[in-house]
Amino acid sequence: MSLGEPHVKQALDWIVAKLADHPNLKRSELIDEASRKFDLTPTEADFLYRHTEELGKSAPPRGSHS
């Protein structure tokens, strides 16, 4: 599974944009919504769960001004 699949990349971009606008939204709810919106398979949704978790780990803490 990779981001090379257009609908998976579109779903990830949509999730990232939603989180940028509303950082308090639950990722799991966004991924569920993206799964329906972009017609993802369970495997693709699982990929998004793992990938967005990694994004959260690499993001700087909120409110930090480095």
PDB file of N, CA and C in Angstrom:
ATOM      1  N   MET A   1       0.859  -1.171   0.000  1.00  0.00           N
ATOM      2  CA  MET A   1       0.000   0.000   0.000  1.00  0.00           C
ATOM      3  C   MET A   1       0.901   1.227   0.000  1.00  0.00           C
ATOM      4  N   SER A   2       0.562   2.174  -0.841  1.00  0.00           N
ATOM      5  CA  SER A   2       1.348   3.402  -0.881  1.00  0.00           C
ATOM      6  C   SER A   2       0.443   4.578  -1.188  1.00  0.00           C
ATOM      7  N   LEU A   3       1.024   5.750  -1.048  1.00  0.00           N
ATOM      8  CA  LEU A   3       0.272   6.964  -1.379  1.00  0.00           C
ATOM      9  C   LEU A   3       0.178   7.165  -2.878  1.00  0.00           C
ATOM     10  N   GLY A   4       0.719   6.238  -3.662  1.00  0.00           N
ATOM     11  CA  GLY A   4       0.645   6.338  -5.103  1.00  0.00           C
ATOM     12  C   GLY A   4      -0.751   6.101  -5.646  1.00  0.00           C
ATOM     13  N   GLU A   5      -1.624   5.527  -4.822  1.00  0.00           N
ATOM     14  CA  GLU A   5      -2.993   5.286  -5.261  1.00  0.00           C
ATOM     15  C   GLU A   5      -3.785   6.575  -5.086  1.00  0.00           C
ATOM     16  N   PRO A   6      -4.342   7.119  -6.172  1.00  0.00           N
ATOM     17  CA  PRO A   6      -4.942   8.457  -6.130  1.00  0.00           C
ATOM     18  C   PRO A   6      -6.003   8.655  -5.050  1.00  0.00           C
ATOM     19  N   HIS A   7      -6.906   7.702  -4.873  1.00  0.00           N
ATOM     20  CA  HIS A   7      -7.970   7.915  -3.898  1.00  0.00           C
ATOM     21  C   HIS A   7      -7.450   7.871  -2.467  1.00  0.00           C
ATOM     22  N   VAL A   8      -6.366   7.120  -2.229  1.00  0.00           N
ATOM     23  CA  VAL A   8      -5.765   7.093  -0.893  1.00  0.00           C
ATOM     24  C   VAL A   8      -5.079   8.423  -0.614  1.00  0.00           C
ATOM     25  N   LYS A   9      -4.359   8.944  -1.599  1.00  0.00           N
ATOM     26  CA  LYS A   9      -3.699  10.246  -1.433  1.00  0.00           C
ATOM     27  C   LYS A   9      -4.738  11.346  -1.250  1.00  0.00           C
ATOM     28  N   GLN A  10      -5.818  11.303  -2.015  1.00  0.00           N
ATOM     29  CA  GLN A  10      -6.876  12.298  -1.860  1.00  0.00           C
ATOM     30  C   GLN A  10      -7.480  12.240  -0.461  1.00  0.00           C
ATOM     31  N   ALA A  11      -7.695  11.041   0.032  1.00  0.00           N
ATOM     32  CA  ALA A  11      -8.254  10.863   1.371  1.00  0.00           C
ATOM     33  C   ALA A  11      -7.293  11.416   2.424  1.00  0.00           C
ATOM     34  N   LEU A  12      -6.013  11.126   2.286  1.00  0.00           N
ATOM     35  CA  LEU A  12      -5.027  11.626   3.241  1.00  0.00           C
ATOM     36  C   LEU A  12      -4.956  13.149   3.191  1.00  0.00           C
ATOM     37  N   ASP A  13      -4.942  13.717   1.996  1.00  0.00           N
ATOM     38  CA  ASP A  13      -4.919  15.175   1.857  1.00  0.00           C
ATOM     39  C   ASP A  13      -6.144  15.802   2.504  1.00  0.00           C
ATOM     40  N   TRP A  14      -7.299  15.174   2.328  1.00  0.00           N
ATOM     41  CA  TRP A  14      -8.547  15.665   2.912  1.00  0.00           C
ATOM     42  C   TRP A  14      -8.467  15.636   4.435  1.00  0.00           C
ATOM     43  N   ILE A  15      -7.947  14.528   4.992  1.00  0.00           N
ATOM     44  CA  ILE A  15      -7.812  14.398   6.442  1.00  0.00           C
ATOM     45  C   ILE A  15      -6.848  15.448   6.988  1.00  0.00           C
ATOM     46  N   VAL A  16      -5.702  15.607   6.350  1.00  0.00           N
ATOM     47  CA  VAL A  16      -4.703  16.585   6.798  1.00  0.00           C
ATOM     48  C   VAL A  16      -5.289  17.999   6.770  1.00  0.00           C
ATOM     49  N   ALA A  17      -6.039  18.316   5.721  1.00  0.00           N
ATOM     50  CA  ALA A  17      -6.661  19.644   5.630  1.00  0.00           C
ATOM     51  C   ALA A  17      -7.682  19.849   6.749  1.00  0.00           C
ATOM     52  N   LYS A  18      -8.486  18.827   7.016  1.00  0.00           N
ATOM     53  CA  LYS A  18      -9.477  18.920   8.100  1.00  0.00           C
ATOM     54  C   LYS A  18      -8.786  19.125   9.438  1.00  0.00           C
ATOM     55  N   LEU A  19      -7.704  18.391   9.682  1.00  0.00           N
ATOM     56  CA  LEU A  19      -6.980  18.527  10.941  1.00  0.00           C
ATOM     57  C   LEU A  19      -6.294  19.888  11.056  1.00  0.00           C
ATOM     58  N   ALA A  20      -5.848  20.438   9.935  1.00  0.00           N
ATOM     59  CA  ALA A  20      -5.221  21.760   9.965  1.00  0.00           C
ATOM     60  C   ALA A  20      -6.243  22.820  10.378  1.00  0.00           C
ATOM     61  N   ASP A  21      -7.467  22.685   9.886  1.00  0.00           N
ATOM     62  CA  ASP A  21      -8.526  23.640  10.213  1.00  0.00           C
ATOM     63  C   ASP A  21      -9.113  23.397  11.598  1.00  0.00           C
ATOM     64  N   HIS A  22      -9.176  22.132  12.000  1.00  0.00           N
ATOM     65  CA  HIS A  22      -9.823  21.746  13.265  1.00  0.00           C
ATOM     66  C   HIS A  22      -8.966  20.691  13.962  1.00  0.00           C
ATOM     67  N   PRO A  23      -7.877  21.093  14.621  1.00  0.00           N
ATOM     68  CA  PRO A  23      -6.941  20.125  15.203  1.00  0.00           C
ATOM     69  C   PRO A  23      -7.533  19.247  16.304  1.00  0.00           C
ATOM     70  N   ASN A  24      -8.672  19.612  16.841  1.00  0.00           N
ATOM     71  CA  ASN A  24      -9.266  18.813  17.914  1.00  0.00           C
ATOM     72  C   ASN A  24     -10.176  17.698  17.404  1.00  0.00           C
ATOM     73  N   LEU A  25     -10.374  17.613  16.091  1.00  0.00           N
ATOM     74  CA  LEU A  25     -11.195  16.534  15.548  1.00  0.00           C
ATOM     75  C   LEU A  25     -10.511  15.194  15.790  1.00  0.00           C
ATOM     76  N   LYS A  26     -11.311  14.162  15.974  1.00  0.00           N
ATOM     77  CA  LYS A  26     -10.763  12.822  16.189  1.00  0.00           C
ATOM     78  C   LYS A  26     -10.348  12.223  14.851  1.00  0.00           C
ATOM     79  N   ARG A  27      -9.121  11.764  14.802  1.00  0.00           N
ATOM     80  CA  ARG A  27      -8.605  11.170  13.565  1.00  0.00           C
ATOM     81  C   ARG A  27      -9.428   9.964  13.153  1.00  0.00           C
ATOM     82  N   SER A  28      -9.848   9.164  14.119  1.00  0.00           N
ATOM     83  CA  SER A  28     -10.608   7.953  13.782  1.00  0.00           C
ATOM     84  C   SER A  28     -11.915   8.305  13.085  1.00  0.00           C
ATOM     85  N   GLU A  29     -12.581   9.367  13.535  1.00  0.00           N
ATOM     86  CA  GLU A  29     -13.834   9.782  12.893  1.00  0.00           C
ATOM     87  C   GLU A  29     -13.577  10.329  11.497  1.00  0.00           C
ATOM     88  N   LEU A  30     -12.475  11.067  11.341  1.00  0.00           N
ATOM     89  CA  LEU A  30     -12.125  11.589  10.015  1.00  0.00           C
ATOM     90  C   LEU A  30     -11.801  10.447   9.048  1.00  0.00           C
ATOM     91  N   ILE A  31     -11.088   9.446   9.532  1.00  0.00           N
ATOM     92  CA  ILE A  31     -10.735   8.319   8.669  1.00  0.00           C
ATOM     93  C   ILE A  31     -11.985   7.533   8.290  1.00  0.00           C
ATOM     94  N   ASP A  32     -12.896   7.356   9.232  1.00  0.00           N
ATOM     95  CA  ASP A  32     -14.161   6.687   8.901  1.00  0.00           C
ATOM     96  C   ASP A  32     -14.918   7.470   7.835  1.00  0.00           C
ATOM     97  N   GLU A  33     -14.971   8.795   7.990  1.00  0.00           N
ATOM     98  CA  GLU A  33     -15.673   9.626   7.007  1.00  0.00           C
ATOM     99  C   GLU A  33     -14.960   9.578   5.654  1.00  0.00           C
ATOM    100  N   ALA A  34     -13.630   9.647   5.678  1.00  0.00           N
ATOM    101  CA  ALA A  34     -12.855   9.582   4.435  1.00  0.00           C
ATOM    102  C   ALA A  34     -13.044   8.233   3.745  1.00  0.00           C
ATOM    103  N   SER A  35     -13.162   7.175   4.540  1.00  0.00           N
ATOM    104  CA  SER A  35     -13.361   5.836   3.965  1.00  0.00           C
ATOM    105  C   SER A  35     -14.634   5.779   3.145  1.00  0.00           C
ATOM    106  N   ARG A  36     -15.677   6.411   3.664  1.00  0.00           N
ATOM    107  CA  ARG A  36     -16.947   6.444   2.918  1.00  0.00           C
ATOM    108  C   ARG A  36     -16.854   7.407   1.730  1.00  0.00           C
ATOM    109  N   LYS A  37     -16.304   8.580   1.973  1.00  0.00           N
ATOM    110  CA  LYS A  37     -16.233   9.629   0.941  1.00  0.00           C
ATOM    111  C   LYS A  37     -15.396   9.191  -0.268  1.00  0.00           C
ATOM    112  N   PHE A  38     -14.282   8.508   0.000  1.00  0.00           N
ATOM    113  CA  PHE A  38     -13.359   8.122  -1.074  1.00  0.00           C
ATOM    114  C   PHE A  38     -13.441   6.632  -1.412  1.00  0.00           C
ATOM    115  N   ASP A  39     -14.450   5.939  -0.861  1.00  0.00           N
ATOM    116  CA  ASP A  39     -14.710   4.530  -1.167  1.00  0.00           C
ATOM    117  C   ASP A  39     -13.463   3.668  -0.955  1.00  0.00           C
ATOM    118  N   LEU A  40     -12.884   3.756   0.249  1.00  0.00           N
ATOM    119  CA  LEU A  40     -11.669   3.022   0.559  1.00  0.00           C
ATOM    120  C   LEU A  40     -11.997   1.612   1.041  1.00  0.00           C
ATOM    121  N   THR A  41     -11.083   0.707   0.777  1.00  0.00           N
ATOM    122  CA  THR A  41     -11.196  -0.643   1.311  1.00  0.00           C
ATOM    123  C   THR A  41     -10.762  -0.621   2.778  1.00  0.00           C
ATOM    124  N   PRO A  42     -11.097  -1.659   3.540  1.00  0.00           N
ATOM    125  CA  PRO A  42     -10.616  -1.723   4.927  1.00  0.00           C
ATOM    126  C   PRO A  42      -9.084  -1.662   5.027  1.00  0.00           C
ATOM    127  N   THR A  43      -8.404  -2.260   4.081  1.00  0.00           N
ATOM    128  CA  THR A  43      -6.937  -2.225   4.083  1.00  0.00           C
ATOM    129  C   THR A  43      -6.430  -0.799   3.869  1.00  0.00           C
ATOM    130  N   GLU A  44      -7.071  -0.070   2.966  1.00  0.00           N
ATOM    131  CA  GLU A  44      -6.675   1.316   2.717  1.00  0.00           C
ATOM    132  C   GLU A  44      -6.965   2.192   3.936  1.00  0.00           C
ATOM    133  N   ALA A  45      -8.096   1.955   4.597  1.00  0.00           N
ATOM    134  CA  ALA A  45      -8.421   2.711   5.804  1.00  0.00           C
ATOM    135  C   ALA A  45      -7.396   2.423   6.896  1.00  0.00           C
ATOM    136  N   ASP A  46      -6.989   1.164   7.030  1.00  0.00           N
ATOM    137  CA  ASP A  46      -5.974   0.794   8.012  1.00  0.00           C
ATOM    138  C   ASP A  46      -4.659   1.506   7.711  1.00  0.00           C
ATOM    139  N   PHE A  47      -4.315   1.607   6.451  1.00  0.00           N
ATOM    140  CA  PHE A  47      -3.114   2.331   6.041  1.00  0.00           C
ATOM    141  C   PHE A  47      -3.210   3.785   6.514  1.00  0.00           C
ATOM    142  N   LEU A  48      -4.374   4.408   6.351  1.00  0.00           N
ATOM    143  CA  LEU A  48      -4.540   5.795   6.793  1.00  0.00           C
ATOM    144  C   LEU A  48      -4.417   5.913   8.307  1.00  0.00           C
ATOM    145  N   TYR A  49      -4.962   4.948   9.043  1.00  0.00           N
ATOM    146  CA  TYR A  49      -4.812   4.968  10.505  1.00  0.00           C
ATOM    147  C   TYR A  49      -3.333   4.980  10.879  1.00  0.00           C
ATOM    148  N   ARG A  50      -2.563   4.082  10.272  1.00  0.00           N
ATOM    149  CA  ARG A  50      -1.127   4.008  10.589  1.00  0.00           C
ATOM    150  C   ARG A  50      -0.402   5.268  10.143  1.00  0.00           C
ATOM    151  N   HIS A  51      -0.721   5.750   8.957  1.00  0.00           N
ATOM    152  CA  HIS A  51      -0.007   6.908   8.413  1.00  0.00           C
ATOM    153  C   HIS A  51      -0.324   8.183   9.205  1.00  0.00           C
ATOM    154  N   THR A  52      -1.572   8.393   9.576  1.00  0.00           N
ATOM    155  CA  THR A  52      -1.909   9.601  10.331  1.00  0.00           C
ATOM    156  C   THR A  52      -1.363   9.521  11.750  1.00  0.00           C
ATOM    157  N   GLU A  53      -1.213   8.317  12.289  1.00  0.00           N
ATOM    158  CA  GLU A  53      -0.587   8.168  13.601  1.00  0.00           C
ATOM    159  C   GLU A  53       0.871   8.611  13.525  1.00  0.00           C
ATOM    160  N   GLU A  54       1.557   8.238  12.455  1.00  0.00           N
ATOM    161  CA  GLU A  54       2.949   8.649  12.262  1.00  0.00           C
ATOM    162  C   GLU A  54       3.047  10.166  12.096  1.00  0.00           C
ATOM    163  N   LEU A  55       2.089  10.764  11.398  1.00  0.00           N
ATOM    164  CA  LEU A  55       2.083  12.218  11.242  1.00  0.00           C
ATOM    165  C   LEU A  55       1.953  12.895  12.596  1.00  0.00           C
ATOM    166  N   GLY A  56       1.099  12.363  13.448  1.00  0.00           N
ATOM    167  CA  GLY A  56       0.893  12.926  14.775  1.00  0.00           C
ATOM    168  C   GLY A  56       2.162  12.854  15.622  1.00  0.00           C
ATOM    169  N   LYS A  57       2.923  11.792  15.458  1.00  0.00           N
ATOM    170  CA  LYS A  57       4.166  11.634  16.219  1.00  0.00           C
ATOM    171  C   LYS A  57       5.251  12.607  15.744  1.00  0.00           C
ATOM    172  N   SER A  58       5.235  12.939  14.456  1.00  0.00           N
ATOM    173  CA  SER A  58       6.283  13.804  13.915  1.00  0.00           C
ATOM    174  C   SER A  58       5.917  15.289  14.006  1.00  0.00           C
ATOM    175  N   ALA A  59       4.655  15.577  14.322  1.00  0.00           N
ATOM    176  CA  ALA A  59       4.231  16.977  14.415  1.00  0.00           C
ATOM    177  C   ALA A  59       4.741  17.581  15.715  1.00  0.00           C
ATOM    178  N   PRO A  60       5.116  18.864  15.690  1.00  0.00           N
ATOM    179  CA  PRO A  60       5.547  19.518  16.932  1.00  0.00           C
ATOM    180  C   PRO A  60       4.368  19.665  17.875  1.00  0.00           C
ATOM    181  N   PRO A  61       4.613  19.677  19.182  1.00  0.00           N
ATOM    182  CA  PRO A  61       3.509  19.850  20.123  1.00  0.00           C
ATOM    183  C   PRO A  61       2.762  21.148  19.859  1.00  0.00           C
ATOM    184  N   ARG A  62       1.462  21.102  20.030  1.00  0.00           N
ATOM    185  CA  ARG A  62       0.661  22.315  19.818  1.00  0.00           C
ATOM    186  C   ARG A  62       1.059  23.373  20.820  1.00  0.00           C
ATOM    187  N   GLY A  63       1.125  24.604  20.322  1.00  0.00           N
ATOM    188  CA  GLY A  63       1.446  25.715  21.201  1.00  0.00           C
ATOM    189  C   GLY A  63       2.949  25.935  21.349  1.00  0.00           C
ATOM    190  N   SER A  64       3.761  25.063  20.740  1.00  0.00           N
ATOM    191  CA  SER A  64       5.211  25.262  20.850  1.00  0.00           C
ATOM    192  C   SER A  64       5.654  26.238  19.775  1.00  0.00           C
ATOM    193  N   HIS A  65       6.539  27.104  20.141  1.00  0.00           N
ATOM    194  CA  HIS A  65       7.033  28.119  19.203  1.00  0.00           C
ATOM    195  C   HIS A  65       8.530  27.924  19.036  1.00  0.00           C
ATOM    196  N   SER A  66       8.898  26.926  18.254  1.00  0.00           N
ATOM    197  CA  SER A  66      10.321  26.615  18.068  1.00  0.00           C
ATOM    198  C   SER A  66      10.948  27.531  17.075  1.00  0.00           C
TER     199      SER A  66
END
